Amino acid sequence: MPPNTLEQTPVKISDIPEKYPKQWVTVKITQRDLYGLPLEGKVMLYAKSKTDIVDGTKNLKVNDLYVFYTGRIDDDVDQKSNIGQ
């Protein structure tokens, strides 16, 4: 299933897990903190499947992306990916 795409105003990275629970998310970073860590960004893609996010991210013509899973590490996470294959 292809990932969902969005164009929206920037949101705080800390607010994304509540809005997109147990999802893989690709964010275009718009602001970093004092240490260079992502602080704010635009959600570009989100999906339950990591593979869908990896495939969808390949088509984005955007620099400075942050991809992460919003759930807990021990969730049943779709970790299938074709990175490096």
N, C-alpha and C. Protein backbone atom coordinates (compact mmCIF):
# COMPACT_ATOMS: atom_id res chain seq x y z
N MET A 1 0.85 -1.18 0.00
CA MET A 1 0.00 0.00 0.00
C MET A 1 0.89 1.24 0.00
N PRO A 2 0.68 2.18 -0.90
CA PRO A 2 1.51 3.38 -0.94
C PRO A 2 1.31 4.22 0.31
N PRO A 3 2.34 4.96 0.70
CA PRO A 3 2.20 5.81 1.88
C PRO A 3 1.25 6.97 1.61
N ASN A 4 0.71 7.51 2.69
CA ASN A 4 -0.13 8.70 2.60
C ASN A 4 0.79 9.91 2.49
N THR A 5 0.38 10.91 1.74
CA THR A 5 1.20 12.10 1.59
C THR A 5 0.46 13.32 2.11
N LEU A 6 1.23 14.27 2.58
CA LEU A 6 0.67 15.48 3.15
C LEU A 6 1.47 16.69 2.71
N GLU A 7 0.84 17.82 2.66
CA GLU A 7 1.50 19.12 2.56
C GLU A 7 0.82 19.95 3.62
N GLN A 8 1.56 20.32 4.62
CA GLN A 8 0.96 21.07 5.71
C GLN A 8 1.98 22.02 6.31
N THR A 9 1.53 22.78 7.26
CA THR A 9 2.44 23.68 7.95
C THR A 9 3.32 22.86 8.90
N PRO A 10 4.49 23.37 9.25
CA PRO A 10 5.38 22.63 10.14
C PRO A 10 4.75 22.35 11.50
N VAL A 11 5.10 21.19 12.06
CA VAL A 11 4.65 20.80 13.39
C VAL A 11 5.87 20.39 14.20
N LYS A 12 5.75 20.45 15.52
CA LYS A 12 6.83 20.01 16.39
C LYS A 12 6.99 18.50 16.26
N ILE A 13 8.22 18.04 16.20
CA ILE A 13 8.51 16.60 16.10
C ILE A 13 7.86 15.87 17.26
N SER A 14 7.87 16.47 18.45
CA SER A 14 7.30 15.82 19.64
C SER A 14 5.79 15.63 19.55
N ASP A 15 5.10 16.37 18.67
CA ASP A 15 3.64 16.24 18.50
C ASP A 15 3.25 15.17 17.49
N ILE A 16 4.19 14.73 16.67
CA ILE A 16 3.89 13.79 15.58
C ILE A 16 3.42 12.42 16.08
N PRO A 17 4.04 11.81 17.11
CA PRO A 17 3.56 10.49 17.55
C PRO A 17 2.10 10.46 17.98
N GLU A 18 1.62 11.52 18.58
CA GLU A 18 0.22 11.56 19.00
C GLU A 18 -0.72 11.64 17.79
N LYS A 19 -0.30 12.38 16.79
CA LYS A 19 -1.13 12.57 15.60
C LYS A 19 -1.08 11.36 14.66
N TYR A 20 0.06 10.65 14.64
CA TYR A 20 0.27 9.49 13.75
C TYR A 20 0.77 8.30 14.57
N PRO A 21 -0.06 7.74 15.44
CA PRO A 21 0.39 6.65 16.30
C PRO A 21 0.73 5.37 15.52
N LYS A 22 1.82 4.73 15.94
CA LYS A 22 2.28 3.46 15.36
C LYS A 22 2.41 3.54 13.84
N GLN A 23 3.01 4.62 13.36
CA GLN A 23 3.21 4.85 11.93
C GLN A 23 4.68 5.15 11.67
N TRP A 24 5.13 4.82 10.48
CA TRP A 24 6.41 5.29 9.98
C TRP A 24 6.13 6.64 9.36
N VAL A 25 6.98 7.62 9.65
CA VAL A 25 6.74 8.99 9.22
C VAL A 25 8.00 9.56 8.56
N THR A 26 7.83 10.27 7.46
CA THR A 26 8.91 11.02 6.82
C THR A 26 8.59 12.50 6.98
N VAL A 27 9.54 13.22 7.57
CA VAL A 27 9.35 14.63 7.86
C VAL A 27 10.44 15.44 7.14
N LYS A 28 10.04 16.53 6.49
CA LYS A 28 11.01 17.49 5.95
C LYS A 28 11.31 18.45 7.09
N ILE A 29 12.54 18.43 7.56
CA ILE A 29 12.92 19.24 8.71
C ILE A 29 12.94 20.72 8.32
N THR A 30 12.24 21.53 9.14
CA THR A 30 12.22 22.97 8.90
C THR A 30 12.95 23.73 10.01
N GLN A 31 13.19 23.07 11.14
CA GLN A 31 13.90 23.72 12.23
C GLN A 31 14.63 22.67 13.06
N ARG A 32 15.86 23.00 13.46
CA ARG A 32 16.65 22.13 14.31
C ARG A 32 16.92 22.83 15.64
N ASP A 33 17.22 22.04 16.67
CA ASP A 33 17.52 22.63 17.96
C ASP A 33 18.99 23.04 18.04
N LEU A 34 19.39 23.50 19.16
CA LEU A 34 20.75 23.97 19.42
C LEU A 34 21.81 22.93 19.09
N TYR A 35 21.45 21.64 19.21
CA TYR A 35 22.39 20.54 18.97
C TYR A 35 22.26 19.94 17.57
N GLY A 36 21.39 20.51 16.75
CA GLY A 36 21.22 20.02 15.39
C GLY A 36 20.18 18.92 15.24
N LEU A 37 19.48 18.60 16.31
CA LEU A 37 18.44 17.56 16.25
C LEU A 37 17.14 18.14 15.68
N PRO A 38 16.36 17.33 14.95
CA PRO A 38 15.09 17.83 14.38
C PRO A 38 14.15 18.33 15.48
N LEU A 39 13.64 19.53 15.30
CA LEU A 39 12.73 20.13 16.26
C LEU A 39 11.33 20.32 15.67
N GLU A 40 11.29 20.64 14.38
CA GLU A 40 10.03 20.95 13.72
C GLU A 40 10.14 20.56 12.25
N GLY A 41 9.01 20.19 11.65
CA GLY A 41 9.04 19.85 10.24
C GLY A 41 7.66 19.62 9.66
N LYS A 42 7.64 19.41 8.34
CA LYS A 42 6.40 19.10 7.63
C LYS A 42 6.34 17.60 7.41
N VAL A 43 5.23 16.98 7.79
CA VAL A 43 5.03 15.56 7.54
C VAL A 43 4.78 15.38 6.05
N MET A 44 5.67 14.64 5.40
CA MET A 44 5.58 14.43 3.95
C MET A 44 4.87 13.11 3.63
N LEU A 45 5.18 12.06 4.40
CA LEU A 45 4.60 10.73 4.19
C LEU A 45 4.36 10.07 5.54
N TYR A 46 3.36 9.19 5.58
CA TYR A 46 3.20 8.32 6.74
C TYR A 46 2.53 7.03 6.29
N ALA A 47 2.90 5.92 6.93
CA ALA A 47 2.34 4.62 6.58
C ALA A 47 2.63 3.63 7.70
N LYS A 48 1.89 2.55 7.73
CA LYS A 48 2.13 1.46 8.70
C LYS A 48 3.39 0.67 8.34
N SER A 49 3.73 0.65 7.07
CA SER A 49 4.83 -0.18 6.58
C SER A 49 6.09 0.64 6.35
N LYS A 50 7.18 0.17 6.91
CA LYS A 50 8.48 0.82 6.68
C LYS A 50 8.86 0.73 5.20
N THR A 51 8.57 -0.38 4.59
CA THR A 51 8.88 -0.56 3.17
C THR A 51 8.18 0.50 2.33
N ASP A 52 6.92 0.78 2.63
CA ASP A 52 6.18 1.80 1.89
C ASP A 52 6.84 3.17 2.06
N ILE A 53 7.28 3.46 3.25
CA ILE A 53 7.93 4.75 3.51
C ILE A 53 9.26 4.84 2.77
N VAL A 54 10.06 3.78 2.81
CA VAL A 54 11.34 3.78 2.11
C VAL A 54 11.11 3.97 0.62
N ASP A 55 10.17 3.24 0.06
CA ASP A 55 9.87 3.37 -1.37
C ASP A 55 9.34 4.77 -1.70
N GLY A 56 8.46 5.31 -0.87
CA GLY A 56 7.90 6.64 -1.11
C GLY A 56 8.93 7.74 -0.96
N THR A 57 9.83 7.58 -0.01
CA THR A 57 10.86 8.59 0.23
C THR A 57 11.83 8.69 -0.95
N LYS A 58 12.06 7.57 -1.64
CA LYS A 58 12.94 7.58 -2.81
C LYS A 58 12.46 8.56 -3.87
N ASN A 59 11.15 8.78 -3.95
CA ASN A 59 10.57 9.64 -4.98
C ASN A 59 10.51 11.12 -4.59
N LEU A 60 10.83 11.42 -3.33
CA LEU A 60 10.77 12.82 -2.89
C LEU A 60 12.02 13.56 -3.35
N LYS A 61 11.84 14.73 -3.86
CA LYS A 61 12.95 15.57 -4.30
C LYS A 61 13.19 16.63 -3.22
N VAL A 62 13.47 16.16 -2.01
CA VAL A 62 13.61 17.04 -0.86
C VAL A 62 14.87 16.64 -0.09
N ASN A 63 15.58 17.63 0.39
CA ASN A 63 16.73 17.38 1.27
C ASN A 63 16.30 17.50 2.72
N ASP A 64 17.13 17.02 3.60
CA ASP A 64 16.94 17.16 5.04
C ASP A 64 15.67 16.46 5.54
N LEU A 65 15.59 15.16 5.27
CA LEU A 65 14.44 14.35 5.71
C LEU A 65 14.78 13.60 6.99
N TYR A 66 13.76 13.36 7.78
CA TYR A 66 13.87 12.60 9.02
C TYR A 66 12.80 11.52 8.95
N VAL A 67 13.21 10.25 9.02
CA VAL A 67 12.28 9.12 8.96
C VAL A 67 12.34 8.40 10.30
N PHE A 68 11.17 8.16 10.89
CA PHE A 68 11.14 7.47 12.19
C PHE A 68 9.80 6.78 12.41
N TYR A 69 9.80 5.86 13.38
CA TYR A 69 8.59 5.14 13.78
C TYR A 69 8.04 5.80 15.03
N THR A 70 6.75 6.05 15.08
CA THR A 70 6.15 6.79 16.19
C THR A 70 5.71 5.90 17.35
N GLY A 71 5.76 4.59 17.16
CA GLY A 71 5.33 3.69 18.23
C GLY A 71 6.49 3.28 19.12
N ARG A 72 6.20 2.35 20.00
CA ARG A 72 7.23 1.81 20.90
C ARG A 72 8.07 0.79 20.15
N ILE A 73 9.28 0.61 20.58
CA ILE A 73 10.19 -0.33 19.93
C ILE A 73 9.65 -1.75 19.99
N ASP A 74 8.95 -2.10 21.05
CA ASP A 74 8.44 -3.46 21.17
C ASP A 74 7.09 -3.67 20.50
N ASP A 75 6.57 -2.66 19.80
CA ASP A 75 5.36 -2.84 19.01
C ASP A 75 5.63 -3.84 17.89
N ASP A 76 4.60 -4.39 17.33
CA ASP A 76 4.74 -5.27 16.17
C ASP A 76 4.98 -4.38 14.95
N VAL A 77 6.24 -4.08 14.71
CA VAL A 77 6.62 -3.12 13.68
C VAL A 77 6.97 -3.86 12.39
N ASP A 78 6.44 -3.35 11.28
CA ASP A 78 6.80 -3.88 9.97
C ASP A 78 8.21 -3.38 9.66
N GLN A 79 9.20 -4.25 9.78
CA GLN A 79 10.58 -3.84 9.60
C GLN A 79 11.13 -4.30 8.28
N LYS A 80 10.30 -4.86 7.42
CA LYS A 80 10.78 -5.32 6.12
C LYS A 80 11.22 -4.10 5.32
N SER A 81 12.37 -4.21 4.72
CA SER A 81 12.88 -3.11 3.92
C SER A 81 13.82 -3.67 2.86
N ASN A 82 13.93 -2.96 1.77
CA ASN A 82 14.84 -3.39 0.73
C ASN A 82 16.06 -2.48 0.67
N ILE A 83 16.34 -1.76 1.74
CA ILE A 83 17.52 -0.89 1.79
C ILE A 83 18.76 -1.77 1.65
N GLY A 84 19.64 -1.40 0.76
CA GLY A 84 20.90 -2.12 0.57
C GLY A 84 20.76 -3.40 -0.21
N GLN A 85 19.61 -3.67 -0.76
CA GLN A 85 19.43 -4.91 -1.52
C GLN A 85 19.27 -4.61 -2.98
